Each structure stands twice: as C-alpha cells, then as structure tokens.
Amino acid sequence: MRKHKLVLAAAVVLAAVAVPVANAASAEQPAVAATPTDQLRVEGGSAQVVNGQRTTVRENPFVIAGMRAGGGGPQGQSCTASVVGKRKIITAAHCMIDATGAKHYLYGDDDLNTTGDETFRTKLLSFKAHPKYSGTGGWQTGYDVAVVTTEDDLPVPESQWAKVAGSGDSALTQPGKNGTAVGYGRTSANGGSGVLYKTALPVNDANNCQVFNTRVNPDLMVCIGYNDGRTGTCTGDSGGPFTVDGVIVGVVSWGSSGCDRYSIMARLTNEMGDWARSEIGGTPPSDGKFTVALTPSSGRVDPGKYISATVATTAGDQPERLDLSANGQPSGVAVKFQPESVNSGQSAKVTFDVAASAAKGSYPITVTAKGTSGTKTAVYTLTVGDGGSTDGPKPTATPSSATVSRGGSVKATITVAGGTGASKLSATGLSFAPMFFPFSVNPGGSSQMSLFAPFQPGTYKVVITATDTAGKTGQTEFTLTVT
C-alpha cells in the first residue's frame, strides 16, 4: 500500500489531467500533513500530478514570486503571493514565519530558471500574520494568512491589484464553485519549479476532504481540487492565490506530500479576509462600471508641435465623476486634459504638447479615468518625428560609484538619452543582479537601480546596458566598493 508522506506548505504546482488513477490506498490511509516548506522531499513520485497550463504575468499581473535566502526553488524562490496595494502583498503566514531566511520579492518573470528577465525586485520591509496564527506549525489549525509591506513601490497599476474577498463574499466558496490557482511551484512532487502555471479547481464540501491526519476546518479553510490528484497544488506555490470570479478567496496553505490529493486554502470569505483588507488599507479596487476609449488611439507629431485626441466615456449603472490623468509620457511631452474631469458618458479633449527637445520615438501613454466604481485605462501611442533614432540609447548612472559594507544596499539613478522607443535595462558584474524600477525607460527618462553588495570585500564593476526597441544598445559603468 502506498504511503502518503508529509505535505509541505502547499506551494501551488499546477497540474492538468493526464490519466486519472483511482487511489484506493488513499481512501484507506489518511495522508499525513506536514510543516509547510519549499524543501519537499519524497521517495519516488506521484504519477498523478502533472503540469497545468503555462501562464504569464501579463495574464495575471498581480502575481509575484516570494524569494528567500536558502529557498529551494530557482534563485531561492520559496512562495507565491499577490500584489494588493502600492506596497502591499498578501500571502500565507507560514511563508513568513515557518520559512526562515531573508526574504524579498521578484516581479515580472514567467520563468525563474533564467535570470535577468524580471521587471523588479524589492525587499520585505515588514509583515503582519493574522493575530490568531499560532506560530510555527500554525497552518494546521488555520489563520494561515499574512499581509506584507515592501520596501519599494510595486510596479503594478492600481487597476490591476488583486481583489481580496471578505465575509460578505461567502457565496464564492460554496461547494460547486470553480476557481483558478496560479503559482511558481513544482509540476510534480519531484518535478521542476520556478515556472508560472495555472490550473482550474473546484471547491468541495469539507466533509468530503477529511482524508488527512489533520482536520480540514471549513470555517478557516477551503478544500479544492480532487482526491485522485489529477490536478492540484504542490510545494513552491504556498501563499499563492486561488481566485473565483476574479476575486482571491483563499491563499495556498497545505496539502499532501505527494501533491496527489486535495489542496487546502486559507479561507478569506470570512473575518480573515476582513482582517486582510483592513491591513491592506481601503477597499480593493473594482473593475469600474463605466468605459473609456481614445479616438484616435494613436498619432504622429513633429518635435515643437502638438496633437490632440478625444477621451470618450460611457456611463455604467449610474452617473459618476471621472478624474482624468496620464502616465508613461517621455521627457519633453506634456499631457493636458480639457476638462480634467467629466461625468461618465461625457467626453474630454486630451492634447500631447511636444517640446522641440523631445526625442524621436514611439511611446505608449496610458490615460486613466478614475471614478467611485473603480478605474479604467486606455492607451494612446504617440510617435514623435519619424519614430526612429540613428543613435542607440546612452545610459548614465548618478552617482557612478559607491562604497558600502558587506551585504548592504545601494541605490543610483539611471538616465537614458536617445534610442528608439523604450530601452530595457539590465546589468552584469554581480552574482545577484541589480533591480530597476521601472524596468524600461523612454528616451529622457530615468530608473532607480537598487543593488545588494556581495559579502566578499573588494571592488566590483557593474556594467549597465540599455537595449532599445530597435535592438541597439548602450552601456555605462557603476563601481561598487565593498568593505
């Protein structure tokens, strides 16, 4: 009879149906629940857990990877989490308390096995676990949820923050509902990890999920998936989101060690979700009941000239006042709205005033309309001149050098001149790649570079590369002295 070993904090590995196999042994012997961790070790592997569907951060813009020193996944990936505010992330409490090691977060990478693809990294500033989480091993009794505050602003617009369920959303976790789990976890008990996957899973009656030596408490937990493990969660996705109708109703908490039975979520459709909302601050953003569009949605203008478009809105269930704003415009381009706010259903004029010094290129500019029911955006593609440049980008670093103690952090401003369109930033010279916020910069724009010093004293030459949309590159150097 096959024995079910411990399950580590359910890091969601997303799996799809291969050939469902009846698990008679599972029905006879309860699976043993184990302390959540990203260091899952099993003898042999479950033939029932296979990959789910590959997905992307673009499709799930609120998903972020939790990293820690000594983490078992690629680059130290340990958990999965969701962006819910300007500097707020929701995850599992055991990801913060049971998993040791210095923690930070990485955003924007679909595959952590290849380095340098991320958009952004930031350190953990602080976290709050639910006050009823009992400490190490507390996931067994529930309240496995935490809200993290990051050191830097997260590069996710408010309209794309994840929505968190509360006590008023209990209908979303009724048995029979279907949802989606997303995470960077393993694709089987002994499989690879660090690649973003998703899978569809049903919500079950907890009475049918009592197949573990730990009780599934329906007041504090949500049981999802299948008892034959045809698709489910696995180590590495702990803290990741389980969404129903676009709302996070649970975070991945625990499951079976073989990743071959039900997956257990920390329930948010109760006071746990209400607590998380209060820690996040304010209410989660809604989708907005109105619409916004730009006519035309693109245009070309020479330096020293201007061009205009119409911002058209339609009303939703009821009229509301919409405040208009723009972001993404390059240096030398001013955006003006006439008027700056309208009632839903009305239109406004937007003018892009281009200075003579503005660099040639094509720039996506996001126009945002914010009302009481939520936020909506539309993109205008502004082409300055012929949209090209004969020269590649020219990055500069300010300051160009710094001295720091071992393990310390340093920040510098990277400014990019010239180039065609936005330039992506990357750097070499350190084992732990610097972070850039934002990851790409329009001509004349700047980015903040954050890097962590090695623990080995010495002088390090960091080479920063800007690559524009035409494939041309430019470089600058930053000298780091570690004492």
Protein backbone atom coordinates (compact mmCIF):
# COMPACT_ATOMS: atom_id res chain seq x y z
CA MET A 1 0.00 0.00 0.00
CA ARG A 2 1.43 3.35 -0.96
CA LYS A 3 2.05 5.63 1.99
CA HIS A 4 1.31 9.35 1.81
CA LYS A 5 4.12 11.28 3.37
CA LEU A 6 4.01 14.79 4.70
CA VAL A 7 2.95 17.65 2.54
CA LEU A 8 4.84 20.83 2.77
CA ALA A 9 3.08 24.08 2.71
CA ALA A 10 1.14 23.74 -0.44
CA ALA A 11 3.25 25.58 -2.87
CA VAL A 12 0.94 25.51 -5.77
CA VAL A 13 2.18 23.38 -8.53
CA LEU A 14 -0.43 23.45 -11.13
CA ALA A 15 -1.31 20.23 -12.71
CA ALA A 16 -3.57 19.11 -15.51
CA VAL A 17 -5.35 15.83 -16.05
CA ALA A 18 -3.27 13.07 -17.50
CA VAL A 19 -4.95 9.73 -16.83
CA PRO A 20 -6.99 9.87 -13.63
CA VAL A 21 -5.97 6.94 -11.46
CA ALA A 22 -8.19 5.59 -8.72
CA ASN A 23 -6.35 5.81 -5.41
CA ALA A 24 -7.73 3.03 -3.28
CA ALA A 25 -4.82 3.22 -0.88
CA SER A 26 -5.55 6.91 -0.29
CA ALA A 27 -9.10 6.09 0.73
CA GLU A 28 -7.85 3.60 3.33
CA GLN A 29 -4.96 5.51 4.83
CA PRO A 30 -5.04 9.23 5.66
CA ALA A 31 -2.35 11.41 4.21
CA VAL A 32 -0.07 12.98 6.77
CA ALA A 33 0.04 16.76 6.74
CA ALA A 34 3.44 18.36 7.27
CA THR A 35 5.03 21.64 8.17
CA PRO A 36 4.86 23.88 5.13
CA THR A 37 8.18 24.44 3.39
CA ASP A 38 9.66 24.71 -0.06
CA GLN A 39 12.04 21.81 0.64
CA LEU A 40 9.71 18.94 -0.29
CA ARG A 41 11.41 15.54 -0.33
CA VAL A 42 9.59 12.35 -1.30
CA GLU A 43 10.71 8.85 -2.20
CA GLY A 44 9.52 8.09 -5.68
CA GLY A 45 7.00 10.40 -7.25
CA SER A 46 3.30 10.61 -7.83
CA ALA A 47 2.37 9.65 -11.37
CA GLN A 48 -0.87 11.50 -10.93
CA VAL A 49 0.39 15.07 -10.64
CA VAL A 50 1.39 16.57 -13.98
CA ASN A 51 1.82 20.08 -15.31
CA GLY A 52 -1.04 22.51 -15.57
CA GLN A 53 -1.14 25.19 -18.22
CA ARG A 54 1.72 27.64 -18.67
CA THR A 55 0.63 31.18 -17.98
CA THR A 56 2.22 34.63 -17.77
CA VAL A 57 2.49 37.64 -15.51
CA ARG A 58 0.82 39.61 -18.30
CA GLU A 59 -2.23 37.37 -17.91
CA ASN A 60 -2.00 37.51 -14.09
CA PRO A 61 -0.48 40.96 -13.42
CA PHE A 62 -0.90 40.74 -9.63
CA VAL A 63 1.14 37.52 -9.18
CA ILE A 64 4.59 37.94 -7.61
CA ALA A 65 7.29 35.45 -6.58
CA GLY A 66 8.40 35.16 -2.94
CA MET A 67 12.14 34.59 -2.57
CA ARG A 68 14.28 33.78 0.49
CA ALA A 69 17.88 33.04 1.33
CA GLY A 70 18.19 29.27 1.10
CA GLY A 71 14.92 28.82 -0.75
CA GLY A 72 14.61 25.55 -2.64
CA GLY A 73 13.34 26.97 -5.95
CA PRO A 74 15.25 28.76 -8.72
CA GLN A 75 17.00 31.90 -7.43
CA GLY A 76 15.73 30.99 -3.94
CA GLN A 77 12.01 31.01 -4.85
CA SER A 78 10.04 29.83 -1.85
CA CYS A 79 6.42 31.00 -2.10
CA THR A 80 3.95 32.73 -4.40
CA ALA A 81 1.98 35.86 -3.46
CA SER A 82 -0.37 38.55 -4.82
CA VAL A 83 0.01 42.31 -5.13
CA VAL A 84 -2.92 44.05 -3.41
CA GLY A 85 -1.66 47.61 -2.92
CA LYS A 86 1.05 50.15 -3.69
CA ARG A 87 3.41 48.38 -1.29
CA LYS A 88 1.17 45.56 -0.09
CA ILE A 89 1.26 41.81 -0.81
CA ILE A 90 -0.96 39.03 0.52
CA THR A 91 0.47 35.55 1.13
CA ALA A 92 0.41 32.69 3.65
CA ALA A 93 1.52 33.31 7.23
CA HIS A 94 3.70 30.19 7.13
CA CYS A 95 5.68 31.73 4.26
CA MET A 96 6.78 34.42 6.70
CA ILE A 97 7.04 32.50 10.00
CA ASP A 98 7.75 28.82 9.22
CA ALA A 99 10.13 29.52 6.31
CA THR A 100 13.34 31.10 7.59
CA GLY A 101 15.89 33.25 5.75
CA ALA A 102 16.00 36.83 4.50
CA LYS A 103 13.11 37.46 2.11
CA HIS A 104 12.47 39.61 -0.92
CA TYR A 105 10.05 39.63 -3.87
CA LEU A 106 10.59 39.36 -7.62
CA TYR A 107 8.06 40.60 -10.18
CA GLY A 108 7.56 40.21 -13.89
CA ASP A 109 9.25 36.89 -14.72
CA ASP A 110 7.35 33.90 -16.16
CA ASP A 111 10.31 31.53 -15.72
CA LEU A 112 12.67 31.97 -12.77
CA ASN A 113 15.09 29.41 -14.18
CA THR A 114 16.53 32.11 -16.44
CA THR A 115 17.91 35.15 -14.62
CA GLY A 116 17.59 38.78 -15.64
CA ASP A 117 14.05 38.51 -17.05
CA GLU A 118 12.37 40.10 -14.04
CA THR A 119 10.96 43.60 -14.11
CA PHE A 120 11.52 44.42 -10.47
CA ARG A 121 12.83 43.21 -7.10
CA THR A 122 12.17 44.62 -3.66
CA LYS A 123 12.99 43.76 -0.08
CA LEU A 124 10.44 42.92 2.57
CA LEU A 125 10.02 45.90 4.91
CA SER A 126 7.61 44.27 7.38
CA PHE A 127 4.75 41.79 7.63
CA LYS A 128 1.74 41.02 9.79
CA ALA A 129 0.45 37.48 10.20
CA HIS A 130 -3.15 37.04 11.27
CA PRO A 131 -3.17 37.59 15.06
CA LYS A 132 -4.71 34.12 15.60
CA TYR A 133 -1.99 32.32 13.65
CA SER A 134 -0.34 30.26 16.38
CA GLY A 135 3.27 30.43 15.21
CA THR A 136 5.43 27.73 13.63
CA GLY A 137 3.11 24.92 12.57
CA GLY A 138 0.05 27.13 12.94
CA TRP A 139 -1.12 26.27 9.42
CA GLN A 140 -2.52 23.05 10.88
CA THR A 141 -5.15 24.92 12.87
CA GLY A 142 -5.81 27.78 10.44
CA TYR A 143 -5.50 31.56 10.07
CA ASP A 144 -2.66 30.98 7.59
CA VAL A 145 -2.67 34.44 6.01
CA ALA A 146 -0.30 37.42 6.17
CA VAL A 147 -0.04 40.90 4.67
CA VAL A 148 3.45 42.05 3.64
CA THR A 149 4.70 45.63 3.25
CA THR A 150 7.52 46.03 0.72
CA GLU A 151 10.40 48.47 0.84
CA ASP A 152 9.62 49.93 -2.60
CA ASP A 153 6.51 50.78 -4.61
CA LEU A 154 5.37 47.77 -6.63
CA PRO A 155 5.21 48.23 -10.45
CA VAL A 156 1.55 47.19 -10.70
CA PRO A 157 -1.10 49.84 -11.51
CA GLU A 158 -3.99 50.14 -9.08
CA SER A 159 -6.45 48.82 -11.64
CA GLN A 160 -4.52 45.51 -11.69
CA TRP A 161 -4.19 44.94 -7.96
CA ALA A 162 -5.81 41.70 -6.84
CA LYS A 163 -9.20 41.93 -5.19
CA VAL A 164 -9.44 40.23 -1.78
CA ALA A 165 -12.64 38.54 -0.63
CA GLY A 166 -14.22 39.24 2.75
CA SER A 167 -17.02 37.98 4.95
CA GLY A 168 -19.60 39.32 2.52
CA ASP A 169 -18.34 37.03 -0.26
CA SER A 170 -19.15 33.63 1.26
CA ALA A 171 -21.08 32.62 -1.87
CA LEU A 172 -17.77 32.48 -3.77
CA THR A 173 -16.57 29.49 -1.73
CA GLN A 174 -19.74 27.44 -1.79
CA PRO A 175 -19.15 23.82 -2.90
CA GLY A 176 -19.58 23.54 -6.64
CA LYS A 177 -17.91 26.86 -7.47
CA ASN A 178 -14.87 26.70 -9.74
CA GLY A 179 -11.71 28.76 -9.48
CA THR A 180 -8.11 29.09 -10.63
CA ALA A 181 -4.83 28.59 -8.77
CA VAL A 182 -1.66 30.26 -10.04
CA GLY A 183 1.88 29.75 -8.83
CA TYR A 184 5.59 29.10 -9.36
CA GLY A 185 5.61 25.74 -7.56
CA ARG A 186 6.63 22.27 -8.65
CA THR A 187 4.97 20.47 -11.53
CA SER A 188 5.04 17.21 -9.55
CA ALA A 189 6.38 16.06 -6.19
CA ASN A 190 9.80 15.52 -7.74
CA GLY A 191 9.37 17.85 -10.71
CA GLY A 192 10.83 21.21 -11.61
CA SER A 193 9.67 24.56 -10.30
CA GLY A 194 10.01 28.28 -10.89
CA VAL A 195 7.76 28.40 -13.97
CA LEU A 196 4.39 30.14 -13.69
CA TYR A 197 1.47 27.75 -14.14
CA LYS A 198 -2.28 27.86 -13.63
CA THR A 199 -4.99 25.25 -13.20
CA ALA A 200 -8.76 25.15 -12.72
CA LEU A 201 -10.01 23.54 -9.49
CA PRO A 202 -13.46 23.02 -7.95
CA VAL A 203 -14.50 24.00 -4.42
CA ASN A 204 -15.51 20.95 -2.35
CA ASP A 205 -17.58 20.25 0.72
CA ALA A 206 -15.03 20.00 3.54
CA ASN A 207 -16.80 16.90 4.87
CA ASN A 208 -15.58 15.05 1.79
CA CYS A 209 -12.00 16.26 2.27
CA GLN A 210 -11.22 14.69 5.65
CA VAL A 211 -8.56 12.40 4.17
CA PHE A 212 -5.60 13.83 6.12
CA ASN A 213 -4.41 13.26 9.67
CA THR A 214 -5.01 17.00 10.11
CA ARG A 215 -8.62 18.17 10.15
CA VAL A 216 -9.79 20.45 7.36
CA ASN A 217 -11.64 23.18 9.30
CA PRO A 218 -14.35 24.54 6.97
CA ASP A 219 -14.59 27.76 8.99
CA LEU A 220 -10.96 28.64 8.31
CA MET A 221 -10.02 26.58 5.25
CA VAL A 222 -11.27 25.88 1.71
CA CYS A 223 -10.78 22.41 0.21
CA ILE A 224 -10.25 22.47 -3.56
CA GLY A 225 -9.26 20.01 -6.25
CA TYR A 226 -9.58 16.24 -6.48
CA ASN A 227 -8.80 13.32 -4.20
CA ASP A 228 -7.02 11.46 -7.01
CA GLY A 229 -4.61 14.33 -7.54
CA ARG A 230 -5.33 14.70 -11.23
CA THR A 231 -4.58 18.42 -10.85
CA GLY A 232 -3.69 20.40 -7.80
CA THR A 233 -1.07 22.33 -5.86
CA CYS A 234 2.44 21.41 -4.79
CA THR A 235 5.43 22.83 -2.96
CA GLY A 236 6.63 26.27 -4.05
CA ASP A 237 3.20 27.88 -4.50
CA SER A 238 2.40 28.40 -0.84
CA GLY A 239 0.71 31.76 -0.34
CA GLY A 240 -0.39 31.92 -3.97
CA PRO A 241 -3.90 32.97 -4.99
CA PHE A 242 -6.98 30.84 -5.54
CA THR A 243 -9.47 33.08 -7.36
CA VAL A 244 -13.17 32.65 -8.04
CA ASP A 245 -14.89 35.14 -10.36
CA GLY A 246 -11.75 37.31 -10.34
CA VAL A 247 -11.52 37.57 -6.52
CA ILE A 248 -8.93 35.92 -4.25
CA VAL A 249 -10.99 33.69 -1.94
CA GLY A 250 -8.06 31.74 -0.49
CA VAL A 251 -4.28 31.51 -0.33
CA VAL A 252 -2.49 28.19 -0.70
CA SER A 253 -1.81 26.71 2.74
CA TRP A 254 -1.15 22.94 2.76
CA GLY A 255 -1.91 19.56 1.19
CA SER A 256 -0.44 16.08 0.79
CA SER A 257 3.28 15.38 0.47
CA GLY A 258 2.84 13.61 -2.85
CA CYS A 259 0.88 16.54 -4.26
CA ASP A 260 -1.69 13.92 -5.22
CA ARG A 261 -4.78 14.75 -3.17
CA TYR A 262 -6.91 17.77 -2.29
CA SER A 263 -5.32 21.20 -1.84
CA ILE A 264 -6.20 23.28 1.23
CA MET A 265 -6.51 27.07 1.10
CA ALA A 266 -6.63 29.62 3.94
CA ARG A 267 -10.20 30.95 3.66
CA LEU A 268 -10.71 34.67 3.01
CA THR A 269 -14.51 34.68 2.72
CA ASN A 270 -14.78 35.30 6.47
CA GLU A 271 -13.21 37.58 9.08
CA MET A 272 -9.77 36.56 7.83
CA GLY A 273 -10.46 38.40 4.59
CA ASP A 274 -11.88 41.35 6.52
CA TRP A 275 -8.70 41.46 8.61
CA ALA A 276 -6.52 41.32 5.49
CA ARG A 277 -8.49 44.17 3.89
CA SER A 278 -8.02 46.32 6.98
CA GLU A 279 -4.26 45.68 6.94
CA ILE A 280 -4.06 46.43 3.23
CA GLY A 281 -5.94 49.69 3.75
CA GLY A 282 -9.06 50.84 1.94
CA THR A 283 -11.19 48.57 -0.19
CA PRO A 284 -9.93 46.51 -3.11
CA PRO A 285 -10.27 48.21 -6.50
CA SER A 286 -13.28 47.32 -8.56
CA ASP A 287 -13.40 46.95 -12.30
CA GLY A 288 -15.38 50.15 -12.73
CA LYS A 289 -18.86 50.26 -14.17
CA PHE A 290 -18.03 52.73 -16.95
CA THR A 291 -15.84 52.55 -20.08
CA VAL A 292 -13.16 54.81 -21.53
CA ALA A 293 -11.67 54.96 -25.05
CA LEU A 294 -9.41 57.22 -27.11
CA THR A 295 -10.27 58.44 -30.62
CA PRO A 296 -7.95 58.16 -32.43
CA SER A 297 -5.79 55.83 -30.36
CA SER A 298 -2.52 56.86 -31.99
CA GLY A 299 -0.90 59.76 -33.83
CA ARG A 300 2.36 61.24 -35.11
CA VAL A 301 3.70 64.70 -34.34
CA ASP A 302 6.97 66.55 -35.02
CA PRO A 303 9.03 67.99 -32.16
CA GLY A 304 7.82 71.50 -31.29
CA LYS A 305 4.22 70.71 -32.30
CA TYR A 306 1.14 69.24 -30.60
CA ILE A 307 -1.57 66.71 -31.37
CA SER A 308 -4.97 66.04 -29.79
CA ALA A 309 -7.42 63.16 -29.31
CA THR A 310 -10.84 62.64 -27.72
CA VAL A 311 -11.33 60.79 -24.44
CA ALA A 312 -14.80 59.23 -24.75
CA THR A 313 -16.56 57.64 -21.76
CA THR A 314 -19.82 55.78 -21.29
CA ALA A 315 -21.84 55.61 -18.09
CA GLY A 316 -22.31 52.43 -16.07
CA ASP A 317 -25.18 51.64 -13.73
CA GLN A 318 -25.29 55.24 -12.55
CA PRO A 319 -23.52 58.52 -13.37
CA GLU A 320 -20.24 59.26 -11.60
CA ARG A 321 -17.49 61.84 -11.77
CA LEU A 322 -14.32 60.68 -13.56
CA ASP A 323 -10.91 62.25 -12.92
CA LEU A 324 -8.54 62.05 -15.89
CA SER A 325 -4.76 61.59 -15.74
CA ALA A 326 -1.89 60.22 -17.85
CA ASN A 327 1.39 58.41 -17.32
CA GLY A 328 4.14 56.98 -19.50
CA GLN A 329 4.81 60.17 -21.45
CA PRO A 330 8.54 60.75 -22.21
CA SER A 331 10.55 63.76 -21.17
CA GLY A 332 9.54 66.80 -23.19
CA VAL A 333 5.90 65.76 -23.68
CA ALA A 334 3.17 67.45 -21.64
CA VAL A 335 -0.33 65.96 -21.47
CA LYS A 336 -3.29 68.30 -20.90
CA PHE A 337 -6.97 67.44 -20.44
CA GLN A 338 -9.82 69.83 -21.20
CA PRO A 339 -11.58 69.44 -18.80
CA GLU A 340 -9.60 67.43 -16.25
CA SER A 341 -12.74 65.63 -15.01
CA VAL A 342 -16.04 64.71 -16.64
CA ASN A 343 -19.27 62.95 -15.78
CA SER A 344 -19.39 59.39 -17.08
CA GLY A 345 -20.95 59.47 -20.53
CA GLN A 346 -19.21 62.74 -21.42
CA SER A 347 -16.04 63.35 -23.43
CA ALA A 348 -12.88 65.41 -22.95
CA LYS A 349 -10.05 66.61 -25.16
CA VAL A 350 -6.51 65.42 -24.49
CA THR A 351 -3.55 67.30 -26.00
CA PHE A 352 0.01 65.99 -26.27
CA ASP A 353 2.30 69.05 -26.37
CA VAL A 354 5.73 68.01 -27.68
CA ALA A 355 8.76 70.20 -26.95
CA ALA A 356 11.37 70.83 -29.63
CA SER A 357 13.88 68.92 -27.49
CA ALA A 358 11.76 65.76 -27.26
CA ALA A 359 13.49 62.63 -28.54
CA LYS A 360 12.13 60.82 -31.57
CA GLY A 361 10.40 57.52 -30.91
CA SER A 362 7.07 55.79 -30.32
CA TYR A 363 5.65 55.95 -26.81
CA PRO A 364 2.61 54.20 -25.26
CA ILE A 365 0.89 56.73 -22.97
CA THR A 366 -1.75 55.43 -20.58
CA VAL A 367 -4.81 57.61 -19.99
CA THR A 368 -6.63 56.79 -16.75
CA ALA A 369 -10.20 57.61 -15.74
CA LYS A 370 -10.89 57.13 -12.02
CA GLY A 371 -14.40 57.13 -10.58
CA THR A 372 -16.18 55.91 -7.46
CA SER A 373 -16.84 52.48 -9.00
CA GLY A 374 -13.21 51.88 -9.99
CA THR A 375 -10.55 52.74 -12.55
CA LYS A 376 -10.35 52.20 -16.31
CA THR A 377 -7.50 52.92 -18.74
CA ALA A 378 -6.88 53.38 -22.45
CA VAL A 379 -3.56 53.62 -24.30
CA TYR A 380 -2.54 56.27 -26.83
CA THR A 381 0.54 55.53 -28.98
CA LEU A 382 2.38 58.80 -29.60
CA THR A 383 5.01 58.85 -32.35
CA VAL A 384 7.43 61.77 -32.21
CA GLY A 385 9.09 62.58 -35.53
CA ASP A 386 9.59 59.53 -37.72
CA GLY A 387 9.62 57.29 -34.65
CA GLY A 388 13.26 56.35 -35.04
CA SER A 389 16.72 57.45 -34.00
CA THR A 390 20.05 56.95 -35.72
CA ASP A 391 21.80 56.62 -32.39
CA GLY A 392 21.41 53.92 -29.80
CA PRO A 393 20.48 54.65 -26.17
CA LYS A 394 23.03 56.32 -23.90
CA PRO A 395 22.59 55.44 -20.21
CA THR A 396 24.32 57.29 -17.36
CA ALA A 397 24.49 56.46 -13.65
CA THR A 398 24.19 59.06 -10.87
CA PRO A 399 26.22 58.58 -8.76
CA SER A 400 28.61 56.44 -10.77
CA SER A 401 30.21 54.79 -7.74
CA ALA A 402 29.53 53.94 -4.11
CA THR A 403 31.18 52.34 -1.07
CA VAL A 404 29.14 50.05 1.17
CA SER A 405 29.66 47.41 3.83
CA ARG A 406 29.22 43.70 3.06
CA GLY A 407 25.59 42.77 2.38
CA GLY A 408 24.50 46.41 2.29
CA SER A 409 22.27 48.04 -0.30
CA VAL A 410 22.94 50.88 -2.72
CA LYS A 411 20.70 52.95 -4.99
CA ALA A 412 21.53 55.02 -8.06
CA THR A 413 19.57 56.81 -10.77
CA ILE A 414 19.97 55.53 -14.34
CA THR A 415 19.04 58.10 -17.01
CA VAL A 416 18.70 57.09 -20.67
CA ALA A 417 19.12 59.52 -23.56
CA GLY A 418 18.35 58.74 -27.19
CA GLY A 419 17.46 55.39 -28.67
CA THR A 420 14.30 54.19 -30.40
CA GLY A 421 11.32 53.74 -28.12
CA ALA A 422 11.68 52.47 -24.56
CA SER A 423 15.00 50.91 -23.53
CA LYS A 424 15.15 47.85 -21.28
CA LEU A 425 17.76 47.92 -18.54
CA SER A 426 19.98 45.06 -17.41
CA ALA A 427 23.28 44.73 -15.57
CA THR A 428 26.19 42.33 -15.10
CA GLY A 429 29.07 42.14 -12.66
CA LEU A 430 27.32 40.87 -9.53
CA SER A 431 26.06 37.40 -8.67
CA PHE A 432 22.77 38.97 -7.53
CA ALA A 433 21.51 41.13 -10.41
CA PRO A 434 20.51 44.73 -9.58
CA MET A 435 16.82 45.70 -9.67
CA PHE A 436 15.48 48.50 -11.87
CA PHE A 437 12.27 50.42 -11.25
CA PRO A 438 10.94 50.89 -13.82
CA PHE A 439 12.48 48.09 -15.86
CA SER A 440 12.21 50.04 -19.16
CA VAL A 441 12.80 53.75 -19.76
CA ASN A 442 11.70 56.09 -22.53
CA PRO A 443 14.31 58.49 -24.01
CA GLY A 444 14.99 61.22 -21.49
CA GLY A 445 13.52 59.15 -18.66
CA SER A 446 15.16 57.59 -15.62
CA SER A 447 15.01 54.49 -13.46
CA GLN A 448 16.11 53.73 -9.92
CA MET A 449 18.70 50.97 -9.67
CA SER A 450 18.87 49.05 -6.38
CA LEU A 451 21.62 46.51 -5.72
CA PHE A 452 22.80 44.39 -2.83
CA ALA A 453 26.51 44.20 -2.07
CA PRO A 454 28.28 40.82 -2.03
CA PHE A 455 29.64 39.52 1.27
CA GLN A 456 33.15 39.32 -0.17
CA PRO A 457 35.09 42.62 0.19
CA GLY A 458 36.52 44.10 -2.98
CA THR A 459 35.81 46.41 -5.92
CA TYR A 460 33.14 45.36 -8.39
CA LYS A 461 32.49 46.84 -11.82
CA VAL A 462 28.77 46.78 -12.63
CA VAL A 463 28.06 47.18 -16.36
CA ILE A 464 24.59 48.61 -17.05
CA THR A 465 23.14 48.00 -20.51
CA ALA A 466 20.19 49.80 -22.15
CA THR A 467 18.60 48.00 -25.14
CA ASP A 468 16.08 49.92 -27.24
CA THR A 469 13.24 48.57 -29.39
CA ALA A 470 15.49 48.61 -32.48
CA GLY A 471 17.92 46.27 -30.73
CA LYS A 472 20.63 48.92 -30.31
CA THR A 473 22.48 49.04 -27.01
CA GLY A 474 24.42 51.48 -24.90
CA GLN A 475 26.37 50.92 -21.69
CA THR A 476 27.64 52.72 -18.62
CA GLU A 477 29.59 51.55 -15.60
CA PHE A 478 28.92 51.73 -11.86
CA THR A 479 31.81 50.99 -9.47
CA LEU A 480 30.89 49.31 -6.18
CA THR A 481 33.45 49.09 -3.39
CA VAL A 482 32.60 46.61 -0.63
CA THR A 483 34.38 47.00 2.72
